[in-house]
Amino acid sequence: RDNIANFGGDPGRVMIFGQSGGGAKVVTLMAMA
C-alpha cells in the first residue's frame, strides 16, 4: 500500500492469490478486518 506506487503499481488495485496453504491464507485474510 505504502510503496508499490514507486514500483509502477497501483495501491488501489491489489489482488492477492495463492495455492494450497497460500490459498488458505488468502481466504483467511478475507475473514480478517
PDB file of all heavy atoms in Angstrom:
ATOM      1  N   ARG A   1       0.827  -1.219   0.000  1.00  0.00           N
ATOM      2  CA  ARG A   1       0.000   0.000   0.000  1.00  0.00           C
ATOM      3  C   ARG A   1       0.857   1.263   0.000  1.00  0.00           C
ATOM      4  O   ARG A   1       0.578   2.224  -0.724  1.00  0.00           O
ATOM      5  CB  ARG A   1      -0.907  -0.017   1.225  1.00  0.00           C
ATOM      6  CG  ARG A   1      -1.776   1.221   1.394  1.00  0.00           C
ATOM      7  CD  ARG A   1      -2.323   1.299   2.817  1.00  0.00           C
ATOM      8  NE  ARG A   1      -1.243   1.411   3.807  1.00  0.00           N
ATOM      9  CZ  ARG A   1      -1.391   1.173   5.113  1.00  0.00           C
ATOM     10  NH1 ARG A   1      -2.571   0.799   5.589  1.00  0.00           N
ATOM     11  NH2 ARG A   1      -0.367   1.304   5.935  1.00  0.00           N
ATOM     12  N   ASP A   2       1.915   1.256   0.796  1.00  0.00           N
ATOM     13  CA  ASP A   2       2.698   2.471   1.014  1.00  0.00           C
ATOM     14  C   ASP A   2       3.821   2.678   0.000  1.00  0.00           C
ATOM     15  O   ASP A   2       4.316   3.806  -0.129  1.00  0.00           O
ATOM     16  CB  ASP A   2       3.303   2.446   2.418  1.00  0.00           C
ATOM     17  CG  ASP A   2       2.252   2.430   3.519  1.00  0.00           C
ATOM     18  OD1 ASP A   2       1.103   2.870   3.250  1.00  0.00           O
ATOM     19  OD2 ASP A   2       2.573   1.974   4.632  1.00  0.00           O
ATOM     20  N   ASN A   3       4.220   1.598  -0.705  1.00  0.00           N
ATOM     21  CA  ASN A   3       5.429   1.693  -1.533  1.00  0.00           C
ATOM     22  C   ASN A   3       5.254   1.310  -2.993  1.00  0.00           C
ATOM     23  O   ASN A   3       6.094   1.648  -3.824  1.00  0.00           O
ATOM     24  CB  ASN A   3       6.532   0.812  -0.930  1.00  0.00           C
ATOM     25  CG  ASN A   3       6.991   1.278   0.421  1.00  0.00           C
ATOM     26  OD1 ASN A   3       7.790   2.202   0.538  1.00  0.00           O
ATOM     27  ND2 ASN A   3       6.486   0.646   1.473  1.00  0.00           N
ATOM     28  N   ILE A   4       4.201   0.587  -3.325  1.00  0.00           N
ATOM     29  CA  ILE A   4       4.143  -0.017  -4.650  1.00  0.00           C
ATOM     30  C   ILE A   4       4.007   1.022  -5.754  1.00  0.00           C
ATOM     31  O   ILE A   4       4.387   0.757  -6.909  1.00  0.00           O
ATOM     32  CB  ILE A   4       3.022  -1.075  -4.720  1.00  0.00           C
ATOM     33  CG1 ILE A   4       3.368  -2.131  -5.774  1.00  0.00           C
ATOM     34  CG2 ILE A   4       1.670  -0.436  -4.995  1.00  0.00           C
ATOM     35  CD1 ILE A   4       4.582  -2.958  -5.458  1.00  0.00           C
ATOM     36  N   ALA A   5       3.502   2.203  -5.467  1.00  0.00           N
ATOM     37  CA  ALA A   5       3.425   3.243  -6.500  1.00  0.00           C
ATOM     38  C   ALA A   5       4.808   3.604  -7.014  1.00  0.00           C
ATOM     39  O   ALA A   5       4.968   3.969  -8.192  1.00  0.00           O
ATOM     40  CB  ALA A   5       2.717   4.478  -5.951  1.00  0.00           C
ATOM     41  N   ASN A   6       5.821   3.507  -6.160  1.00  0.00           N
ATOM     42  CA  ASN A   6       7.187   3.796  -6.591  1.00  0.00           C
ATOM     43  C   ASN A   6       7.758   2.702  -7.483  1.00  0.00           C
ATOM     44  O   ASN A   6       8.847   2.870  -8.052  1.00  0.00           O
ATOM     45  CB  ASN A   6       8.104   3.979  -5.379  1.00  0.00           C
ATOM     46  CG  ASN A   6       7.811   5.261  -4.622  1.00  0.00           C
ATOM     47  OD1 ASN A   6       7.161   6.160  -5.156  1.00  0.00           O
ATOM     48  ND2 ASN A   6       8.278   5.344  -3.391  1.00  0.00           N
ATOM     49  N   PHE A   7       7.042   1.587  -7.586  1.00  0.00           N
ATOM     50  CA  PHE A   7       7.449   0.481  -8.460  1.00  0.00           C
ATOM     51  C   PHE A   7       6.514   0.373  -9.670  1.00  0.00           C
ATOM     52  O   PHE A   7       6.475  -0.652 -10.334  1.00  0.00           O
ATOM     53  CB  PHE A   7       7.454  -0.831  -7.685  1.00  0.00           C
ATOM     54  CG  PHE A   7       8.531  -0.921  -6.631  1.00  0.00           C
ATOM     55  CD1 PHE A   7       8.375  -0.292  -5.397  1.00  0.00           C
ATOM     56  CD2 PHE A   7       9.710  -1.625  -6.871  1.00  0.00           C
ATOM     57  CE1 PHE A   7       9.356  -0.376  -4.415  1.00  0.00           C
ATOM     58  CE2 PHE A   7      10.696  -1.710  -5.905  1.00  0.00           C
ATOM     59  CZ  PHE A   7      10.529  -1.085  -4.679  1.00  0.00           C
ATOM     60  N   GLY A   8       5.754   1.420  -9.935  1.00  0.00           N
ATOM     61  CA  GLY A   8       4.859   1.421 -11.078  1.00  0.00           C
ATOM     62  C   GLY A   8       3.517   0.782 -10.831  1.00  0.00           C
ATOM     63  O   GLY A   8       2.758   0.545 -11.782  1.00  0.00           O
ATOM     64  N   GLY A   9       3.183   0.475  -9.578  1.00  0.00           N
ATOM     65  CA  GLY A   9       1.944  -0.215  -9.262  1.00  0.00           C
ATOM     66  C   GLY A   9       0.883   0.712  -8.704  1.00  0.00           C
ATOM     67  O   GLY A   9       1.151   1.852  -8.308  1.00  0.00           O
ATOM     68  N   ASP A  10      -0.334   0.190  -8.655  1.00  0.00           N
ATOM     69  CA  ASP A  10      -1.485   0.938  -8.162  1.00  0.00           C
ATOM     70  C   ASP A  10      -1.921   0.359  -6.820  1.00  0.00           C
ATOM     71  O   ASP A  10      -2.456  -0.758  -6.762  1.00  0.00           O
ATOM     72  CB  ASP A  10      -2.634   0.827  -9.183  1.00  0.00           C
ATOM     73  CG  ASP A  10      -3.866   1.630  -8.770  1.00  0.00           C
ATOM     74  OD1 ASP A  10      -3.871   2.207  -7.665  1.00  0.00           O
ATOM     75  OD2 ASP A  10      -4.834   1.659  -9.562  1.00  0.00           O
ATOM     76  N   PRO A  11      -1.731   1.076  -5.725  1.00  0.00           N
ATOM     77  CA  PRO A  11      -2.146   0.544  -4.414  1.00  0.00           C
ATOM     78  C   PRO A  11      -3.654   0.400  -4.290  1.00  0.00           C
ATOM     79  O   PRO A  11      -4.126  -0.234  -3.346  1.00  0.00           O
ATOM     80  CB  PRO A  11      -1.602   1.580  -3.430  1.00  0.00           C
ATOM     81  CG  PRO A  11      -1.465   2.836  -4.229  1.00  0.00           C
ATOM     82  CD  PRO A  11      -1.115   2.407  -5.623  1.00  0.00           C
ATOM     83  N   GLY A  12      -4.403   0.945  -5.247  1.00  0.00           N
ATOM     84  CA  GLY A  12      -5.846   0.796  -5.241  1.00  0.00           C
ATOM     85  C   GLY A  12      -6.348  -0.374  -6.058  1.00  0.00           C
ATOM     86  O   GLY A  12      -7.561  -0.581  -6.169  1.00  0.00           O
ATOM     87  N   ARG A  13      -5.427  -1.145  -6.656  1.00  0.00           N
ATOM     88  CA  ARG A  13      -5.795  -2.347  -7.423  1.00  0.00           C
ATOM     89  C   ARG A  13      -4.840  -3.477  -7.050  1.00  0.00           C
ATOM     90  O   ARG A  13      -3.954  -3.834  -7.812  1.00  0.00           O
ATOM     91  CB  ARG A  13      -5.742  -2.076  -8.933  1.00  0.00           C
ATOM     92  CG  ARG A  13      -6.951  -1.380  -9.478  1.00  0.00           C
ATOM     93  CD  ARG A  13      -6.978  -1.433 -10.993  1.00  0.00           C
ATOM     94  NE  ARG A  13      -5.834  -0.720 -11.582  1.00  0.00           N
ATOM     95  CZ  ARG A  13      -5.577  -0.684 -12.875  1.00  0.00           C
ATOM     96  NH1 ARG A  13      -6.340  -1.355 -13.726  1.00  0.00           N
ATOM     97  NH2 ARG A  13      -4.549  -0.002 -13.336  1.00  0.00           N
ATOM     98  N   VAL A  14      -5.011  -4.013  -5.866  1.00  0.00           N
ATOM     99  CA  VAL A  14      -4.151  -5.086  -5.358  1.00  0.00           C
ATOM    100  C   VAL A  14      -4.953  -6.380  -5.315  1.00  0.00           C
ATOM    101  O   VAL A  14      -6.021  -6.442  -4.705  1.00  0.00           O
ATOM    102  CB  VAL A  14      -3.608  -4.750  -3.959  1.00  0.00           C
ATOM    103  CG1 VAL A  14      -2.812  -5.916  -3.393  1.00  0.00           C
ATOM    104  CG2 VAL A  14      -2.750  -3.489  -4.007  1.00  0.00           C
ATOM    105  N   MET A  15      -4.430  -7.390  -5.962  1.00  0.00           N
ATOM    106  CA  MET A  15      -5.034  -8.724  -5.932  1.00  0.00           C
ATOM    107  C   MET A  15      -4.116  -9.641  -5.129  1.00  0.00           C
ATOM    108  O   MET A  15      -2.895  -9.638  -5.324  1.00  0.00           O
ATOM    109  CB  MET A  15      -5.180  -9.269  -7.354  1.00  0.00           C
ATOM    110  CG  MET A  15      -5.539 -10.749  -7.438  1.00  0.00           C
ATOM    111  SD  MET A  15      -5.543 -11.293  -9.179  1.00  0.00           S
ATOM    112  CE  MET A  15      -5.552 -13.080  -8.981  1.00  0.00           C
ATOM    113  N   ILE A  16      -4.679 -10.417  -4.218  1.00  0.00           N
ATOM    114  CA  ILE A  16      -3.904 -11.440  -3.535  1.00  0.00           C
ATOM    115  C   ILE A  16      -4.319 -12.794  -4.085  1.00  0.00           C
ATOM    116  O   ILE A  16      -5.487 -13.028  -4.382  1.00  0.00           O
ATOM    117  CB  ILE A  16      -4.071 -11.386  -1.995  1.00  0.00           C
ATOM    118  CG1 ILE A  16      -5.525 -11.589  -1.573  1.00  0.00           C
ATOM    119  CG2 ILE A  16      -3.532 -10.074  -1.451  1.00  0.00           C
ATOM    120  CD1 ILE A  16      -5.722 -11.715  -0.066  1.00  0.00           C
ATOM    121  N   PHE A  17      -3.344 -13.674  -4.270  1.00  0.00           N
ATOM    122  CA  PHE A  17      -3.645 -15.017  -4.744  1.00  0.00           C
ATOM    123  C   PHE A  17      -2.624 -15.975  -4.167  1.00  0.00           C
ATOM    124  O   PHE A  17      -1.538 -15.586  -3.755  1.00  0.00           O
ATOM    125  CB  PHE A  17      -3.709 -15.080  -6.282  1.00  0.00           C
ATOM    126  CG  PHE A  17      -2.432 -14.803  -7.031  1.00  0.00           C
ATOM    127  CD1 PHE A  17      -1.926 -15.743  -7.927  1.00  0.00           C
ATOM    128  CD2 PHE A  17      -1.742 -13.609  -6.898  1.00  0.00           C
ATOM    129  CE1 PHE A  17      -0.768 -15.494  -8.661  1.00  0.00           C
ATOM    130  CE2 PHE A  17      -0.590 -13.342  -7.638  1.00  0.00           C
ATOM    131  CZ  PHE A  17      -0.106 -14.290  -8.516  1.00  0.00           C
ATOM    132  N   GLY A  18      -3.007 -17.255  -4.093  1.00  0.00           N
ATOM    133  CA  GLY A  18      -2.124 -18.243  -3.511  1.00  0.00           C
ATOM    134  C   GLY A  18      -2.640 -19.633  -3.781  1.00  0.00           C
ATOM    135  O   GLY A  18      -3.815 -19.837  -4.090  1.00  0.00           O
ATOM    136  N   GLN A  19      -1.726 -20.600  -3.660  1.00  0.00           N
ATOM    137  CA  GLN A  19      -2.067 -22.001  -3.938  1.00  0.00           C
ATOM    138  C   GLN A  19      -1.898 -22.831  -2.675  1.00  0.00           C
ATOM    139  O   GLN A  19      -0.962 -22.624  -1.910  1.00  0.00           O
ATOM    140  CB  GLN A  19      -1.171 -22.521  -5.074  1.00  0.00           C
ATOM    141  CG  GLN A  19      -1.537 -23.888  -5.614  1.00  0.00           C
ATOM    142  CD  GLN A  19      -0.906 -25.041  -4.824  1.00  0.00           C
ATOM    143  OE1 GLN A  19       0.084 -24.853  -4.128  1.00  0.00           O
ATOM    144  NE2 GLN A  19      -1.479 -26.231  -4.942  1.00  0.00           N
ATOM    145  N   SER A  20      -2.786 -23.774  -2.450  1.00  0.00           N
ATOM    146  CA  SER A  20      -2.744 -24.686  -1.310  1.00  0.00           C
ATOM    147  C   SER A  20      -2.737 -23.874  -0.016  1.00  0.00           C
ATOM    148  O   SER A  20      -3.656 -23.107   0.234  1.00  0.00           O
ATOM    149  CB  SER A  20      -1.537 -25.616  -1.426  1.00  0.00           C
ATOM    150  OG  SER A  20      -1.624 -26.682  -0.510  1.00  0.00           O
ATOM    151  N   GLY A  21      -1.690 -24.016   0.816  1.00  0.00           N
ATOM    152  CA  GLY A  21      -1.625 -23.224   2.033  1.00  0.00           C
ATOM    153  C   GLY A  21      -1.680 -21.741   1.753  1.00  0.00           C
ATOM    154  O   GLY A  21      -2.210 -20.963   2.547  1.00  0.00           O
ATOM    155  N   GLY A  22      -1.135 -21.334   0.610  1.00  0.00           N
ATOM    156  CA  GLY A  22      -1.210 -19.926   0.225  1.00  0.00           C
ATOM    157  C   GLY A  22      -2.637 -19.503  -0.071  1.00  0.00           C
ATOM    158  O   GLY A  22      -3.057 -18.390   0.269  1.00  0.00           O
ATOM    159  N   GLY A  23      -3.407 -20.378  -0.712  1.00  0.00           N
ATOM    160  CA  GLY A  23      -4.818 -20.090  -0.940  1.00  0.00           C
ATOM    161  C   GLY A  23      -5.595 -20.035   0.362  1.00  0.00           C
ATOM    162  O   GLY A  23      -6.524 -19.232   0.518  1.00  0.00           O
ATOM    163  N   ALA A  24      -5.214 -20.890   1.308  1.00  0.00           N
ATOM    164  CA  ALA A  24      -5.842 -20.863   2.631  1.00  0.00           C
ATOM    165  C   ALA A  24      -5.562 -19.539   3.330  1.00  0.00           C
ATOM    166  O   ALA A  24      -6.431 -18.984   4.017  1.00  0.00           O
ATOM    167  CB  ALA A  24      -5.330 -22.023   3.475  1.00  0.00           C
ATOM    168  N   LYS A  25      -4.351 -19.008   3.151  1.00  0.00           N
ATOM    169  CA  LYS A  25      -4.026 -17.706   3.742  1.00  0.00           C
ATOM    170  C   LYS A  25      -4.866 -16.611   3.097  1.00  0.00           C
ATOM    171  O   LYS A  25      -5.300 -15.669   3.764  1.00  0.00           O
ATOM    172  CB  LYS A  25      -2.536 -17.420   3.577  1.00  0.00           C
ATOM    173  CG  LYS A  25      -1.620 -18.408   4.299  1.00  0.00           C
ATOM    174  CD  LYS A  25      -0.186 -18.316   3.785  1.00  0.00           C
ATOM    175  CE  LYS A  25       0.613 -19.559   4.138  1.00  0.00           C
ATOM    176  NZ  LYS A  25       1.940 -19.596   3.476  1.00  0.00           N
ATOM    177  N   VAL A  26      -5.109 -16.728   1.791  1.00  0.00           N
ATOM    178  CA  VAL A  26      -5.942 -15.746   1.093  1.00  0.00           C
ATOM    179  C   VAL A  26      -7.331 -15.692   1.720  1.00  0.00           C
ATOM    180  O   VAL A  26      -7.831 -14.612   2.071  1.00  0.00           O
ATOM    181  CB  VAL A  26      -6.029 -16.084  -0.413  1.00  0.00           C
ATOM    182  CG1 VAL A  26      -7.156 -15.298  -1.074  1.00  0.00           C
ATOM    183  CG2 VAL A  26      -4.706 -15.799  -1.111  1.00  0.00           C
ATOM    184  N   VAL A  27      -7.994 -16.843   1.854  1.00  0.00           N
ATOM    185  CA  VAL A  27      -9.368 -16.820   2.374  1.00  0.00           C
ATOM    186  C   VAL A  27      -9.392 -16.470   3.853  1.00  0.00           C
ATOM    187  O   VAL A  27     -10.381 -15.909   4.349  1.00  0.00           O
ATOM    188  CB  VAL A  27     -10.104 -18.153   2.109  1.00  0.00           C
ATOM    189  CG1 VAL A  27     -10.243 -18.396   0.612  1.00  0.00           C
ATOM    190  CG2 VAL A  27      -9.424 -19.343   2.776  1.00  0.00           C
ATOM    191  N   THR A  28      -8.316 -16.772   4.570  1.00  0.00           N
ATOM    192  CA  THR A  28      -8.253 -16.368   5.975  1.00  0.00           C
ATOM    193  C   THR A  28      -8.146 -14.861   6.089  1.00  0.00           C
ATOM    194  O   THR A  28      -8.814 -14.238   6.930  1.00  0.00           O
ATOM    195  CB  THR A  28      -7.072 -17.053   6.682  1.00  0.00           C
ATOM    196  OG1 THR A  28      -7.206 -18.474   6.583  1.00  0.00           O
ATOM    197  CG2 THR A  28      -7.019 -16.669   8.151  1.00  0.00           C
ATOM    198  N   LEU A  29      -7.339 -14.226   5.249  1.00  0.00           N
ATOM    199  CA  LEU A  29      -7.238 -12.770   5.280  1.00  0.00           C
ATOM    200  C   LEU A  29      -8.554 -12.107   4.888  1.00  0.00           C
ATOM    201  O   LEU A  29      -8.874 -11.011   5.360  1.00  0.00           O
ATOM    202  CB  LEU A  29      -6.109 -12.293   4.359  1.00  0.00           C
ATOM    203  CG  LEU A  29      -4.781 -11.968   5.067  1.00  0.00           C
ATOM    204  CD1 LEU A  29      -4.237 -13.175   5.821  1.00  0.00           C
ATOM    205  CD2 LEU A  29      -3.746 -11.452   4.085  1.00  0.00           C
ATOM    206  N   MET A  30      -9.345 -12.788   4.056  1.00  0.00           N
ATOM    207  CA  MET A  30     -10.665 -12.241   3.722  1.00  0.00           C
ATOM    208  C   MET A  30     -11.578 -12.203   4.946  1.00  0.00           C
ATOM    209  O   MET A  30     -12.535 -11.414   4.992  1.00  0.00           O
ATOM    210  CB  MET A  30     -11.306 -13.066   2.608  1.00  0.00           C
ATOM    211  CG  MET A  30     -10.597 -12.931   1.265  1.00  0.00           C
ATOM    212  SD  MET A  30     -11.355 -13.903  -0.052  1.00  0.00           S
ATOM    213  CE  MET A  30     -12.843 -12.935  -0.379  1.00  0.00           C
ATOM    214  N   ALA A  31     -11.281 -13.035   5.936  1.00  0.00           N
ATOM    215  CA  ALA A  31     -12.077 -13.075   7.164  1.00  0.00           C
ATOM    216  C   ALA A  31     -11.508 -12.177   8.254  1.00  0.00           C
ATOM    217  O   ALA A  31     -12.038 -12.162   9.372  1.00  0.00           O
ATOM    218  CB  ALA A  31     -12.165 -14.517   7.680  1.00  0.00           C
ATOM    219  N   MET A  32     -10.443 -11.427   7.942  1.00  0.00           N
ATOM    220  CA  MET A  32      -9.777 -10.593   8.936  1.00  0.00           C
ATOM    221  C   MET A  32      -9.990  -9.122   8.606  1.00  0.00           C
ATOM    222  O   MET A  32      -9.585  -8.640   7.542  1.00  0.00           O
ATOM    223  CB  MET A  32      -8.280 -10.921   8.975  1.00  0.00           C
ATOM    224  CG  MET A  32      -7.994 -12.350   9.417  1.00  0.00           C
ATOM    225  SD  MET A  32      -6.239 -12.819   9.307  1.00  0.00           S
ATOM    226  CE  MET A  32      -5.528 -11.739  10.551  1.00  0.00           C
ATOM    227  N   ALA A  33     -10.609  -8.392   9.526  1.00  0.00           N
ATOM    228  CA  ALA A  33     -10.975  -6.994   9.277  1.00  0.00           C
ATOM    229  C   ALA A  33      -9.759  -6.134   8.969  1.00  0.00           C
ATOM    230  O   ALA A  33      -9.822  -5.237   8.123  1.00  0.00           O
ATOM    231  CB  ALA A  33     -11.732  -6.437  10.482  1.00  0.00           C
TER     232      ALA A  33
END
